Amino acid sequence: MKKNLYRTAAVVTGLSVAERALGFLYRIVLSRLIGAEGVGIYQIALSVFSVFITAGTGGIPITVSRLISKSRAEGCAEGEHAAVSAGLVASLVLTLPVCILFPLLGGRLGFLFSDERCLPVFSILLAGLALSSVYAVIRGSFWGNKRFLAPSVLELTEEIVMVIAGVLLLRGATDAFEGARLAAVAVVISYFVSFSASAVCFFARGGKLASPKGQLRPLFASAMPITAVRAGSSLVGSAVAVLLPAMLIRAGATQAEALQMFGVVSGMAMPVLSIPSTVIGSISLVLVPELSEDYYRKRFSSLSANIGRGVSAAVVVSCALIPFFLVLGRDIGSVLYSDASAGEMIEKCCFMLLPMSLTMITTGILNSLNFERQTLIHYFIGAALMFAAILFLPGKIGVYAYPAGLAASYVVSAVLNLVFLVRKCPLPKDLLRKSLTALLLILPVALIGRLLSALFEKYLGALAALSLTGAIMLAITFVSYFFCHIFSPKPFKKLLFDK
């Protein structure tokens, strides 16, 4: 099982990395074609749209996955089919009314946006709401049956379609607003493709529907706390999109400057700092059905070991990337975006990677063990700190109020999740040693990277110096992990050589 877990995680991570890389490159294209102001308009509309799509799906896919795992453990095939049907009913009930009512209300909802130009962009995105909700449920059914390849390929396909459509459409953009509107059209096109392909794949692989009656109640009971967390996250994002520009204007910035600063932090710096979420998300995705099955079959030794692997992976990945961004953050901003402020933000905010990664993995673990209410409580405690930062810090630290609020939220959520998790399930004894060692290695690796960067910049171009320094730093990190017994190449040998 361990070998299969590593192999599945490696495949899913590889596809997720490819997907995120495309999305990352697409953001660079957006920033260059429509500018920071256009990215800001697009991001504000997208953040409000994410509230509705999260409310319509939220915890439903992961709950469908867990209910399928439970039905498999109990040997009930009918329960698996009913879980999918219940998920479809729930998601459509939550999304179709929005698709119908919002166009009728029209301009009355303009107060949701800090800029009136965002409303038409949002209206375009709304066309893909129901399609995306159905696709999310089908994706959850694949996860529950441990079929991770199909949804990963579908996610990558969706990203490819969005990039191609976006690049083709944006060639005709005449200003920032037109560019944001065309970028939204590309998103809807990608949603239609992923919906159609997932439906065909679901039925072609023998997927069936059954009466949802027996699974509707447990689905809602389990999904609602997760949905509340994710909807809350989207609401916080929307509130940030409205409040942060307003607070920056109140602190002395013009409206255009506020939108540009918001575009830098949300469309440039944060996507780079969210890179670990690709790997952590893949690991969490693969672990969820394994943890659920261990939990319902009462295999507690396996459960503890898998939890330890997840938490250890989160620490190792984040601690490997912190010195990378600490040394090369400014260069990354200059090379990718031609924007020094984005690079400065990446460098100064890179330490949030550790609490962010721990929050992600521990939230996924607790949700898979049916502790959704606890993660909901912990999330909203952290979110309160986020709002406090957005409301009170822009006058003192400007746009950095956003990453400061994020960091505080992640720290609180991660600590509360870990404390609760330790109380419920003992973690492997060597986890603390590995975590502390990985943390202690950050400073020496960063110092070596700083020296290498200064040396290479004298003789090489910016991109070559960045690439070579980053590669050497990551190599030094993982060699150090090997000698400190944090990292072992054995699982990767199995992936490459075992049949």
Protein backbone atom coordinates (compact mmCIF):
# COMPACT_ATOMS: atom_id res chain seq x y z
CA MET A 1 0.00 0.00 0.00
CA LYS A 2 2.84 2.37 0.89
CA LYS A 3 4.48 1.89 -2.53
CA ASN A 4 1.17 2.45 -4.30
CA LEU A 5 0.58 5.57 -2.19
CA TYR A 6 3.94 7.04 -3.19
CA ARG A 7 3.36 6.20 -6.85
CA THR A 8 -0.12 7.70 -6.92
CA ALA A 9 1.04 10.83 -5.10
CA ALA A 10 3.93 11.21 -7.55
CA VAL A 11 1.65 10.96 -10.59
CA VAL A 12 -0.97 13.33 -9.18
CA THR A 13 1.73 15.78 -8.08
CA GLY A 14 3.36 15.71 -11.51
CA LEU A 15 0.08 16.49 -13.25
CA SER A 16 -0.78 19.14 -10.65
CA VAL A 17 2.62 20.77 -11.11
CA ALA A 18 2.05 20.87 -14.87
CA GLU A 19 -1.41 22.38 -14.32
CA ARG A 20 -0.14 24.99 -11.87
CA ALA A 21 2.81 25.80 -14.12
CA LEU A 22 0.43 26.53 -16.98
CA GLY A 23 -1.76 28.65 -14.72
CA PHE A 24 1.31 30.45 -13.44
CA LEU A 25 2.54 31.19 -16.96
CA TYR A 26 -0.95 32.33 -17.89
CA ARG A 27 -0.92 34.85 -15.04
CA ILE A 28 2.35 36.19 -16.37
CA VAL A 29 0.74 36.53 -19.81
CA LEU A 30 -2.26 38.29 -18.25
CA SER A 31 -0.07 40.71 -16.33
CA ARG A 32 1.82 41.60 -19.49
CA LEU A 33 -1.22 41.82 -21.82
CA ILE A 34 -3.73 43.65 -19.61
CA GLY A 35 -1.48 45.13 -16.91
CA ALA A 36 -1.80 45.19 -13.14
CA GLU A 37 -5.06 47.18 -13.35
CA GLY A 38 -6.67 44.60 -15.66
CA VAL A 39 -5.46 41.78 -13.43
CA GLY A 40 -6.97 43.60 -10.46
CA ILE A 41 -10.40 43.88 -12.14
CA TYR A 42 -10.28 40.22 -13.17
CA GLN A 43 -9.17 39.08 -9.70
CA ILE A 44 -11.91 41.02 -7.92
CA ALA A 45 -14.62 39.53 -10.18
CA LEU A 46 -13.06 36.08 -9.81
CA SER A 47 -12.92 36.36 -6.02
CA VAL A 48 -16.65 37.18 -5.81
CA PHE A 49 -17.45 34.36 -8.25
CA SER A 50 -15.44 31.98 -6.08
CA VAL A 51 -17.84 32.66 -3.20
CA PHE A 52 -20.77 31.33 -5.24
CA ILE A 53 -18.90 28.38 -6.70
CA THR A 54 -17.63 27.45 -3.24
CA ALA A 55 -21.12 27.74 -1.76
CA GLY A 56 -22.40 25.46 -4.54
CA THR A 57 -19.68 22.82 -4.19
CA GLY A 58 -17.45 23.53 -1.18
CA GLY A 59 -17.29 20.36 0.86
CA ILE A 60 -19.50 18.27 -1.43
CA PRO A 61 -16.74 16.64 -3.55
CA ILE A 62 -14.59 15.64 -0.57
CA THR A 63 -17.69 14.43 1.30
CA VAL A 64 -18.78 12.35 -1.71
CA SER A 65 -15.27 10.88 -1.71
CA ARG A 66 -15.48 10.03 2.02
CA LEU A 67 -18.98 8.54 1.73
CA ILE A 68 -17.81 6.35 -1.15
CA SER A 69 -14.82 5.21 0.95
CA LYS A 70 -17.19 4.39 3.80
CA SER A 71 -19.54 2.46 1.47
CA ARG A 72 -16.57 0.55 0.05
CA ALA A 73 -15.44 -0.37 3.57
CA GLU A 74 -18.98 -1.62 4.29
CA GLY A 75 -19.25 -3.42 0.92
CA CYS A 76 -22.29 -1.37 -0.18
CA ALA A 77 -22.15 -0.58 -3.91
CA GLU A 78 -25.58 1.05 -3.86
CA GLY A 79 -24.32 3.52 -1.26
CA GLU A 80 -21.53 4.60 -3.61
CA HIS A 81 -23.97 5.41 -6.43
CA ALA A 82 -26.35 7.15 -4.02
CA ALA A 83 -23.51 9.35 -2.72
CA VAL A 84 -22.79 10.64 -6.23
CA SER A 85 -26.48 11.32 -6.87
CA ALA A 86 -26.82 13.13 -3.55
CA GLY A 87 -23.82 15.27 -4.42
CA LEU A 88 -25.29 16.23 -7.81
CA VAL A 89 -28.66 17.11 -6.29
CA ALA A 90 -27.08 19.20 -3.54
CA SER A 91 -24.74 21.11 -5.85
CA LEU A 92 -27.46 21.93 -8.40
CA VAL A 93 -29.89 23.04 -5.69
CA LEU A 94 -27.22 25.45 -4.44
CA THR A 95 -26.09 26.82 -7.82
CA LEU A 96 -29.03 26.92 -10.25
CA PRO A 97 -31.03 29.52 -8.24
CA VAL A 98 -28.00 31.83 -8.32
CA CYS A 99 -27.69 31.45 -12.09
CA ILE A 100 -31.39 32.34 -12.48
CA LEU A 101 -31.78 35.12 -9.91
CA PHE A 102 -28.57 37.08 -10.39
CA PRO A 103 -29.30 38.21 -13.99
CA LEU A 104 -32.76 39.36 -12.83
CA LEU A 105 -31.27 41.55 -10.10
CA GLY A 106 -28.70 43.00 -12.48
CA GLY A 107 -27.07 46.22 -11.40
CA ARG A 108 -28.55 46.12 -7.89
CA LEU A 109 -25.62 43.92 -6.82
CA GLY A 110 -22.93 46.33 -7.87
CA PHE A 111 -22.16 46.99 -4.18
CA LEU A 112 -20.37 43.61 -4.12
CA PHE A 113 -17.49 45.12 -6.10
CA SER A 114 -15.07 47.91 -5.37
CA ASP A 115 -15.07 48.88 -9.07
CA GLU A 116 -18.20 48.98 -11.27
CA ARG A 117 -16.28 47.42 -14.17
CA CYS A 118 -16.08 44.14 -12.25
CA LEU A 119 -19.84 43.45 -12.49
CA PRO A 120 -19.91 42.64 -16.26
CA VAL A 121 -16.84 40.42 -15.82
CA PHE A 122 -18.57 38.55 -12.99
CA SER A 123 -21.73 38.09 -15.08
CA ILE A 124 -19.69 36.28 -17.73
CA LEU A 125 -18.12 33.97 -15.14
CA LEU A 126 -21.57 33.13 -13.75
CA ALA A 127 -22.38 31.23 -16.96
CA GLY A 128 -20.01 28.46 -15.85
CA LEU A 129 -21.29 28.08 -12.27
CA ALA A 130 -23.60 25.05 -12.66
CA LEU A 131 -21.21 23.34 -15.09
CA SER A 132 -18.34 23.61 -12.64
CA SER A 133 -20.45 22.33 -9.72
CA VAL A 134 -21.42 19.14 -11.58
CA TYR A 135 -17.82 18.59 -12.60
CA ALA A 136 -16.71 18.97 -8.97
CA VAL A 137 -19.07 16.18 -7.82
CA ILE A 138 -17.86 13.83 -10.56
CA ARG A 139 -14.30 14.60 -9.53
CA GLY A 140 -15.17 13.65 -5.95
CA SER A 141 -16.55 10.31 -7.15
CA PHE A 142 -13.24 9.54 -8.84
CA TRP A 143 -11.35 10.39 -5.64
CA GLY A 144 -13.55 8.09 -3.55
CA ASN A 145 -12.83 5.20 -5.90
CA LYS A 146 -9.07 6.00 -5.79
CA ARG A 147 -9.06 6.89 -9.49
CA PHE A 148 -6.80 9.91 -9.35
CA LEU A 149 -5.45 9.89 -12.91
CA ALA A 150 -8.71 10.82 -14.67
CA PRO A 151 -9.52 13.94 -12.59
CA SER A 152 -5.89 15.05 -12.69
CA VAL A 153 -5.86 14.81 -16.49
CA LEU A 154 -9.19 16.63 -16.64
CA GLU A 155 -7.84 19.43 -14.45
CA LEU A 156 -4.81 19.77 -16.69
CA THR A 157 -7.03 19.77 -19.78
CA GLU A 158 -9.19 22.52 -18.30
CA GLU A 159 -6.11 24.64 -17.65
CA ILE A 160 -4.78 24.06 -21.17
CA VAL A 161 -8.10 25.09 -22.71
CA MET A 162 -8.24 28.24 -20.56
CA VAL A 163 -4.70 29.23 -21.51
CA ILE A 164 -5.21 28.67 -25.23
CA ALA A 165 -8.59 30.42 -25.27
CA GLY A 166 -7.28 33.26 -23.15
CA VAL A 167 -4.20 33.91 -25.28
CA LEU A 168 -6.26 33.83 -28.49
CA LEU A 169 -8.94 36.14 -27.11
CA LEU A 170 -6.62 38.59 -25.35
CA ARG A 171 -4.82 39.40 -28.55
CA GLY A 172 -7.84 41.58 -29.34
CA ALA A 173 -7.98 43.35 -25.95
CA THR A 174 -7.95 47.14 -26.27
CA ASP A 175 -7.82 48.16 -22.60
CA ALA A 176 -7.75 46.77 -19.05
CA PHE A 177 -11.52 46.23 -18.82
CA GLU A 178 -11.76 44.52 -22.19
CA GLY A 179 -8.87 42.25 -21.23
CA ALA A 180 -10.53 41.25 -17.93
CA ARG A 181 -13.81 40.53 -19.76
CA LEU A 182 -12.11 38.32 -22.37
CA ALA A 183 -10.16 36.49 -19.65
CA ALA A 184 -13.52 35.63 -18.03
CA VAL A 185 -14.81 34.25 -21.34
CA ALA A 186 -11.78 31.94 -21.48
CA VAL A 187 -12.61 30.64 -17.99
CA VAL A 188 -16.19 29.76 -19.01
CA ILE A 189 -14.96 27.94 -22.12
CA SER A 190 -12.62 25.83 -19.98
CA TYR A 191 -15.47 24.99 -17.56
CA PHE A 192 -17.63 23.74 -20.41
CA VAL A 193 -14.86 21.48 -21.68
CA SER A 194 -14.11 19.98 -18.24
CA PHE A 195 -17.82 19.42 -17.56
CA SER A 196 -18.39 17.62 -20.88
CA ALA A 197 -15.23 15.52 -20.64
CA SER A 198 -15.86 14.51 -17.00
CA ALA A 199 -19.46 13.41 -17.72
CA VAL A 200 -18.32 11.23 -20.63
CA CYS A 201 -15.48 9.79 -18.52
CA PHE A 202 -17.77 9.07 -15.55
CA PHE A 203 -20.29 6.99 -17.51
CA ALA A 204 -17.62 5.38 -19.73
CA ARG A 205 -15.91 4.06 -16.57
CA GLY A 206 -19.11 2.45 -15.35
CA GLY A 207 -20.38 5.28 -13.18
CA LYS A 208 -24.00 4.95 -12.10
CA LEU A 209 -26.61 7.02 -10.31
CA ALA A 210 -29.08 5.81 -7.70
CA SER A 211 -31.72 7.26 -5.40
CA PRO A 212 -29.96 9.87 -3.21
CA LYS A 213 -32.37 9.55 -0.27
CA GLY A 214 -30.12 7.50 1.99
CA GLN A 215 -27.09 9.75 1.48
CA LEU A 216 -28.54 13.27 1.37
CA ARG A 217 -28.68 13.76 5.12
CA PRO A 218 -25.15 12.49 5.94
CA LEU A 219 -23.81 14.39 2.92
CA PHE A 220 -25.25 17.70 4.09
CA ALA A 221 -24.23 17.06 7.70
CA SER A 222 -20.61 16.44 6.68
CA ALA A 223 -20.37 18.84 3.75
CA MET A 224 -21.81 21.94 5.37
CA PRO A 225 -18.90 22.61 7.80
CA ILE A 226 -16.38 22.11 4.98
CA THR A 227 -18.48 24.28 2.68
CA ALA A 228 -18.67 26.93 5.40
CA VAL A 229 -14.86 26.92 5.67
CA ARG A 230 -14.37 27.19 1.94
CA ALA A 231 -17.19 29.67 1.46
CA GLY A 232 -15.74 31.64 4.35
CA SER A 233 -12.38 31.60 2.61
CA SER A 234 -13.99 32.86 -0.58
CA LEU A 235 -15.92 35.50 1.36
CA VAL A 236 -12.70 36.62 2.99
CA GLY A 237 -11.12 36.80 -0.46
CA SER A 238 -14.04 38.87 -1.73
CA ALA A 239 -13.95 41.06 1.35
CA VAL A 240 -10.23 41.59 0.78
CA ALA A 241 -10.94 42.46 -2.87
CA VAL A 242 -13.40 45.12 -1.71
CA LEU A 243 -11.88 46.29 1.57
CA LEU A 244 -8.17 46.31 0.76
CA PRO A 245 -8.39 48.73 -2.20
CA ALA A 246 -10.81 50.88 -0.14
CA MET A 247 -8.46 50.93 2.86
CA LEU A 248 -5.48 51.70 0.62
CA ILE A 249 -7.39 54.62 -0.87
CA ARG A 250 -8.24 55.75 2.64
CA ALA A 251 -4.51 55.57 3.46
CA GLY A 252 -3.73 57.95 0.58
CA ALA A 253 -3.57 55.89 -2.65
CA THR A 254 -5.58 56.73 -5.77
CA GLN A 255 -8.12 54.21 -7.10
CA ALA A 256 -5.79 53.19 -9.95
CA GLU A 257 -2.86 52.78 -7.53
CA ALA A 258 -4.99 50.71 -5.16
CA LEU A 259 -6.10 48.37 -7.98
CA GLN A 260 -2.50 48.05 -9.17
CA MET A 261 -1.28 47.16 -5.67
CA PHE A 262 -4.08 44.65 -5.27
CA GLY A 263 -3.20 43.16 -8.67
CA VAL A 264 0.42 42.77 -7.58
CA VAL A 265 -0.36 41.02 -4.30
CA SER A 266 -3.23 38.80 -5.49
CA GLY A 267 -2.28 38.19 -9.11
CA MET A 268 1.53 38.10 -8.92
CA ALA A 269 3.05 37.54 -5.45
CA MET A 270 0.49 35.20 -3.90
CA PRO A 271 0.40 32.76 -6.87
CA VAL A 272 4.16 32.30 -6.45
CA LEU A 273 3.87 31.86 -2.69
CA SER A 274 1.09 29.32 -3.25
CA ILE A 275 3.40 26.96 -5.15
CA PRO A 276 3.70 24.52 -2.20
CA SER A 277 -0.08 24.10 -2.27
CA THR A 278 0.33 22.13 -5.51
CA VAL A 279 2.36 19.40 -3.82
CA ILE A 280 0.52 19.57 -0.49
CA GLY A 281 -2.84 19.47 -2.23
CA SER A 282 -1.84 16.38 -4.22
CA ILE A 283 -0.63 14.58 -1.09
CA SER A 284 -3.80 15.49 0.78
CA LEU A 285 -5.92 14.34 -2.16
CA VAL A 286 -4.30 10.91 -2.22
CA LEU A 287 -4.34 10.53 1.57
CA VAL A 288 -8.04 11.36 2.10
CA PRO A 289 -9.53 8.03 0.91
CA GLU A 290 -6.69 6.09 2.58
CA LEU A 291 -7.24 7.88 5.90
CA SER A 292 -11.02 7.48 5.69
CA GLU A 293 -10.69 3.76 4.99
CA ASP A 294 -8.16 3.32 7.82
CA TYR A 295 -10.48 5.20 10.16
CA TYR A 296 -13.63 3.23 9.34
CA ARG A 297 -11.78 -0.12 9.33
CA LYS A 298 -10.09 0.83 12.65
CA ARG A 299 -6.54 0.36 11.30
CA PHE A 300 -5.07 2.86 13.74
CA SER A 301 -1.37 2.05 13.24
CA SER A 302 -1.73 2.63 9.50
CA LEU A 303 -3.77 5.76 10.21
CA SER A 304 -1.03 7.22 12.42
CA ALA A 305 1.68 6.41 9.88
CA ASN A 306 -0.23 8.04 7.00
CA ILE A 307 -0.94 11.16 9.07
CA GLY A 308 2.75 11.38 9.88
CA ARG A 309 3.66 11.11 6.19
CA GLY A 310 1.29 13.92 5.30
CA VAL A 311 2.47 16.32 8.01
CA SER A 312 6.13 15.49 7.34
CA ALA A 313 5.70 16.14 3.62
CA ALA A 314 4.13 19.54 4.35
CA VAL A 315 7.07 20.55 6.56
CA VAL A 316 9.73 19.27 4.16
CA VAL A 317 8.25 20.94 1.07
CA SER A 318 7.72 24.32 2.73
CA CYS A 319 11.13 24.38 4.44
CA ALA A 320 12.79 23.52 1.14
CA LEU A 321 11.14 26.47 -0.63
CA ILE A 322 11.46 29.14 2.06
CA PRO A 323 15.23 29.74 1.53
CA PHE A 324 14.65 29.58 -2.24
CA PHE A 325 12.16 32.48 -2.13
CA LEU A 326 14.08 34.31 0.59
CA VAL A 327 17.17 34.53 -1.61
CA LEU A 328 15.62 34.71 -5.08
CA GLY A 329 12.26 36.39 -4.48
CA ARG A 330 13.26 39.75 -5.93
CA ASP A 331 14.81 38.12 -8.99
CA ILE A 332 11.67 36.02 -9.54
CA GLY A 333 9.51 39.15 -9.51
CA SER A 334 11.78 40.94 -11.96
CA VAL A 335 12.21 38.02 -14.36
CA LEU A 336 8.59 36.82 -14.39
CA TYR A 337 6.62 40.04 -14.04
CA SER A 338 9.13 42.85 -14.62
CA ASP A 339 7.78 44.17 -11.33
CA ALA A 340 10.16 44.86 -8.45
CA SER A 341 7.34 45.27 -5.90
CA ALA A 342 6.07 41.73 -6.59
CA GLY A 343 9.56 40.31 -6.04
CA GLU A 344 10.02 42.26 -2.82
CA MET A 345 6.72 40.91 -1.52
CA ILE A 346 7.68 37.32 -2.39
CA GLU A 347 10.94 37.69 -0.48
CA LYS A 348 9.45 39.31 2.62
CA CYS A 349 6.44 37.00 2.91
CA CYS A 350 8.01 33.61 2.16
CA PHE A 351 7.95 32.46 5.81
CA MET A 352 4.18 32.07 5.62
CA LEU A 353 4.77 28.93 3.51
CA LEU A 354 5.22 26.74 6.59
CA PRO A 355 1.97 27.59 8.42
CA MET A 356 0.12 27.66 5.10
CA SER A 357 1.29 24.13 4.23
CA LEU A 358 0.54 22.80 7.71
CA THR A 359 -2.93 24.33 7.65
CA MET A 360 -3.69 22.72 4.29
CA ILE A 361 -2.54 19.22 5.21
CA THR A 362 -4.02 19.15 8.72
CA THR A 363 -7.37 20.49 7.51
CA GLY A 364 -7.54 17.74 4.88
CA ILE A 365 -6.60 15.10 7.47
CA LEU A 366 -9.20 16.24 10.00
CA ASN A 367 -11.92 16.45 7.35
CA SER A 368 -11.17 12.89 6.24
CA LEU A 369 -11.62 11.75 9.86
CA ASN A 370 -15.06 13.39 10.15
CA PHE A 371 -13.89 16.37 12.24
CA GLU A 372 -15.21 19.03 9.86
CA ARG A 373 -16.75 21.13 12.65
CA GLN A 374 -13.39 21.57 14.34
CA THR A 375 -11.72 22.79 11.16
CA LEU A 376 -14.62 25.21 10.69
CA ILE A 377 -14.11 26.72 14.15
CA HIS A 378 -10.36 26.93 13.71
CA TYR A 379 -10.71 28.57 10.31
CA PHE A 380 -13.00 31.34 11.53
CA ILE A 381 -10.71 32.13 14.45
CA GLY A 382 -7.91 32.66 11.95
CA ALA A 383 -10.20 34.59 9.59
CA ALA A 384 -10.99 37.07 12.37
CA LEU A 385 -7.29 37.94 12.49
CA MET A 386 -7.30 38.31 8.71
CA PHE A 387 -10.10 40.89 8.83
CA ALA A 388 -8.40 42.75 11.66
CA ALA A 389 -5.24 43.06 9.57
CA ILE A 390 -7.14 44.26 6.49
CA LEU A 391 -9.07 46.86 8.49
CA PHE A 392 -6.32 48.27 10.69
CA LEU A 393 -2.92 47.71 9.05
CA PRO A 394 -3.06 49.30 5.55
CA GLY A 395 -2.39 52.74 7.03
CA LYS A 396 0.83 51.42 8.60
CA ILE A 397 2.18 48.76 6.20
CA GLY A 398 0.11 49.40 3.06
CA VAL A 399 -0.71 46.44 0.85
CA TYR A 400 1.37 44.18 3.11
CA ALA A 401 -1.65 44.09 5.41
CA TYR A 402 -3.00 41.29 3.21
CA PRO A 403 -0.07 38.84 3.48
CA ALA A 404 0.34 39.77 7.16
CA GLY A 405 -3.29 38.83 7.78
CA LEU A 406 -2.88 35.62 5.81
CA ALA A 407 0.20 34.65 7.80
CA ALA A 408 -1.56 35.26 11.13
CA SER A 409 -4.57 33.25 9.98
CA TYR A 410 -2.43 30.31 8.87
CA VAL A 411 -0.39 30.26 12.09
CA VAL A 412 -3.49 30.14 14.30
CA SER A 413 -5.28 27.54 12.16
CA ALA A 414 -2.20 25.32 11.91
CA VAL A 415 -1.54 25.36 15.66
CA LEU A 416 -5.17 24.64 16.56
CA ASN A 417 -5.42 21.85 13.97
CA LEU A 418 -2.21 20.19 15.18
CA VAL A 419 -3.18 20.36 18.85
CA PHE A 420 -6.57 18.80 18.13
CA LEU A 421 -5.02 16.15 15.86
CA VAL A 422 -2.44 15.10 18.46
CA ARG A 423 -5.21 14.66 21.01
CA LYS A 424 -7.14 12.35 18.71
CA CYS A 425 -4.33 10.33 17.15
CA PRO A 426 -0.70 9.88 18.31
CA LEU A 427 1.76 10.98 15.64
CA PRO A 428 5.01 9.15 14.77
CA LYS A 429 7.75 9.75 17.32
CA ASP A 430 10.35 11.03 14.85
CA LEU A 431 8.06 13.66 13.29
CA LEU A 432 9.10 16.44 15.69
CA ARG A 433 12.83 15.73 15.17
CA LYS A 434 12.46 15.83 11.38
CA SER A 435 10.46 19.06 11.52
CA LEU A 436 12.91 20.88 13.78
CA THR A 437 15.88 19.75 11.68
CA ALA A 438 14.22 20.99 8.47
CA LEU A 439 13.60 24.37 10.14
CA LEU A 440 17.20 24.67 11.33
CA LEU A 441 18.49 24.03 7.80
CA ILE A 442 16.69 27.07 6.37
CA LEU A 443 19.29 29.63 7.49
CA PRO A 444 22.50 27.88 6.27
CA VAL A 445 20.92 27.03 2.92
CA ALA A 446 19.78 30.65 2.52
CA LEU A 447 23.29 31.94 3.31
CA ILE A 448 24.84 29.61 0.74
CA GLY A 449 22.21 30.69 -1.79
CA ARG A 450 22.95 34.36 -1.16
CA LEU A 451 26.65 33.82 -1.86
CA LEU A 452 25.95 31.78 -4.99
CA SER A 453 23.49 34.36 -6.31
CA ALA A 454 25.99 37.20 -5.88
CA LEU A 455 28.69 35.14 -7.61
CA PHE A 456 26.59 34.01 -10.59
CA GLU A 457 25.10 37.45 -11.22
CA LYS A 458 28.61 38.76 -11.96
CA TYR A 459 29.13 36.36 -14.85
CA LEU A 460 25.66 35.22 -15.99
CA GLY A 461 22.41 36.78 -17.06
CA ALA A 462 19.53 37.23 -14.62
CA LEU A 463 17.59 34.16 -15.74
CA ALA A 464 20.64 31.88 -15.83
CA ALA A 465 21.82 33.06 -12.40
CA LEU A 466 18.33 32.55 -10.97
CA SER A 467 17.96 29.06 -12.41
CA LEU A 468 21.44 27.84 -11.45
CA THR A 469 21.28 29.27 -7.92
CA GLY A 470 17.82 27.79 -7.34
CA ALA A 471 18.83 24.35 -8.62
CA ILE A 472 21.94 24.23 -6.41
CA MET A 473 19.99 25.41 -3.35
CA LEU A 474 17.32 22.75 -3.77
CA ALA A 475 19.99 20.10 -4.34
CA ILE A 476 21.83 21.15 -1.17
CA THR A 477 18.55 21.08 0.75
CA PHE A 478 17.60 17.54 -0.22
CA VAL A 479 21.14 16.22 0.25
CA SER A 480 21.05 17.72 3.76
CA TYR A 481 17.67 16.09 4.32
CA PHE A 482 19.15 12.75 3.31
CA PHE A 483 22.11 12.94 5.70
CA CYS A 484 19.86 14.18 8.52
CA HIS A 485 17.52 11.23 7.94
CA ILE A 486 14.59 13.47 6.98
CA PHE A 487 14.34 12.30 3.42
CA SER A 488 14.90 8.86 1.92
CA PRO A 489 15.27 8.04 -1.78
CA LYS A 490 13.85 4.52 -1.30
CA PRO A 491 10.27 5.40 -2.29
CA PHE A 492 11.55 7.02 -5.48
CA LYS A 493 13.66 3.97 -6.31
CA LYS A 494 10.49 1.92 -6.03
CA LEU A 495 8.67 4.31 -8.30
CA LEU A 496 11.37 4.06 -10.94
CA PHE A 497 12.41 0.42 -10.78
CA ASP A 498 9.64 -1.67 -9.17
CA LYS A 499 6.98 -3.08 -11.40
